[in-house]
Amino acid sequence: MADIVSVPLTVEATSDRLPDAIARAERDEVRIVLTRDGEPVAAIIPLTDLRALDEVDAAEDAYWSRMADERIARWEAEGRPPGIPMEEIARELGVDLTEES
């Protein structure tokens, strides 16, 4: 995983320095944080980091899908009708459906 490098690269100055920032992220495998008014707002990251993030996202999606499938199977194995009522989901999550947003 790449190091995070604090580079004083403001969003406003990126047009002049963007090619150098991209080259540095690629060559040195560092993450460059862009700031606006001193606050971080975006980053330039090596492609390997982006691919790793995509893999994590896919693994997380697969995990939660598997958990949902297992819960549905357990629900139906208990002789309950197919599907899980919204009230049951809300109760398990501690959500009060009577509250207005």
Protein backbone atom coordinates (compact mmCIF):
# COMPACT_ATOMS: atom_id res chain seq x y z
CA MET A 1 0.00 0.00 0.00
CA ALA A 2 1.23 3.47 -0.85
CA ASP A 3 2.36 6.09 1.62
CA ILE A 4 0.32 9.22 2.12
CA VAL A 5 2.33 12.25 1.18
CA SER A 6 1.28 15.68 2.31
CA VAL A 7 1.97 17.77 -0.75
CA PRO A 8 0.90 21.41 -0.67
CA LEU A 9 -1.15 21.00 -3.82
CA THR A 10 -4.28 23.09 -3.77
CA VAL A 11 -7.20 22.40 -6.04
CA GLU A 12 -6.66 25.79 -7.64
CA ALA A 13 -3.02 24.98 -8.49
CA THR A 14 -3.62 21.52 -9.90
CA SER A 15 -3.77 22.56 -13.55
CA ASP A 16 -0.10 23.61 -13.44
CA ARG A 17 1.16 20.78 -11.25
CA LEU A 18 -1.19 17.92 -12.13
CA PRO A 19 1.18 16.15 -14.54
CA ASP A 20 3.94 16.14 -11.89
CA ALA A 21 1.55 14.91 -9.20
CA ILE A 22 0.34 12.06 -11.41
CA ALA A 23 3.91 11.09 -12.28
CA ARG A 24 4.90 11.10 -8.62
CA ALA A 25 1.92 8.95 -7.60
CA GLU A 26 2.81 6.47 -10.31
CA ARG A 27 6.59 6.50 -9.90
CA ASP A 28 6.86 6.72 -6.10
CA GLU A 29 3.59 4.93 -5.31
CA VAL A 30 2.42 7.69 -2.99
CA ARG A 31 -1.01 9.16 -2.36
CA ILE A 32 -1.23 12.88 -2.92
CA VAL A 33 -3.95 14.80 -1.11
CA LEU A 34 -5.47 17.84 -2.79
CA THR A 35 -6.71 20.63 -0.56
CA ARG A 36 -9.09 23.54 -0.86
CA ASP A 37 -8.86 26.28 1.73
CA GLY A 38 -6.52 24.06 3.73
CA GLU A 39 -8.99 21.16 3.88
CA PRO A 40 -8.42 17.82 2.11
CA VAL A 41 -10.99 17.32 -0.68
CA ALA A 42 -9.58 14.70 -3.08
CA ALA A 43 -6.58 12.51 -3.75
CA ILE A 44 -4.39 11.26 -6.54
CA ILE A 45 -3.57 7.63 -5.85
CA PRO A 46 -1.60 4.91 -7.63
CA LEU A 47 -3.69 2.61 -9.79
CA THR A 48 -2.67 -0.34 -7.60
CA ASP A 49 -4.40 1.36 -4.65
CA LEU A 50 -7.57 1.89 -6.68
CA ARG A 51 -7.59 -1.76 -7.71
CA ALA A 52 -7.10 -2.81 -4.09
CA LEU A 53 -10.03 -0.61 -3.03
CA ASP A 54 -12.18 -2.17 -5.75
CA GLU A 55 -11.27 -5.64 -4.45
CA VAL A 56 -12.21 -4.64 -0.90
CA ASP A 57 -15.53 -3.23 -2.13
CA ALA A 58 -16.29 -6.43 -4.06
CA ALA A 59 -15.39 -8.61 -1.07
CA GLU A 60 -17.57 -6.50 1.22
CA ASP A 61 -20.50 -6.70 -1.21
CA ALA A 62 -20.09 -10.48 -1.45
CA TYR A 63 -19.94 -10.78 2.34
CA TRP A 64 -23.13 -8.82 2.95
CA SER A 65 -24.92 -10.65 0.15
CA ARG A 66 -23.91 -13.98 1.70
CA MET A 67 -25.05 -12.80 5.16
CA ALA A 68 -28.43 -11.76 3.73
CA ASP A 69 -28.84 -15.08 1.91
CA GLU A 70 -28.01 -17.00 5.10
CA ARG A 71 -30.46 -14.95 7.15
CA ILE A 72 -33.23 -15.48 4.60
CA ALA A 73 -32.51 -19.22 4.50
CA ARG A 74 -32.60 -19.39 8.33
CA TRP A 75 -35.86 -17.42 8.37
CA GLU A 76 -37.49 -19.78 5.88
CA ALA A 77 -36.02 -22.89 7.61
CA GLU A 78 -37.89 -21.79 10.74
CA GLY A 79 -41.10 -22.23 8.74
CA ARG A 80 -41.72 -18.55 8.23
CA PRO A 81 -43.10 -17.29 4.93
CA PRO A 82 -40.59 -16.32 2.22
CA GLY A 83 -39.15 -12.87 2.68
CA ILE A 84 -38.51 -10.96 5.86
CA PRO A 85 -41.06 -8.34 6.88
CA MET A 86 -39.74 -4.80 7.20
CA GLU A 87 -40.92 -4.74 10.82
CA GLU A 88 -38.68 -7.72 11.66
CA ILE A 89 -35.66 -6.12 10.04
CA ALA A 90 -36.34 -2.84 11.82
CA ARG A 91 -36.76 -4.61 15.17
CA GLU A 92 -33.45 -6.48 14.77
CA LEU A 93 -31.68 -3.25 13.86
CA GLY A 94 -33.32 -1.29 16.66
CA VAL A 95 -35.11 1.04 14.25
CA ASP A 96 -38.41 2.60 15.24
CA LEU A 97 -40.62 2.65 12.14
CA THR A 98 -43.13 4.94 13.83
CA GLU A 99 -40.65 7.83 14.00
CA GLU A 100 -40.98 10.44 11.29
CA SER A 101 -37.79 11.52 9.53
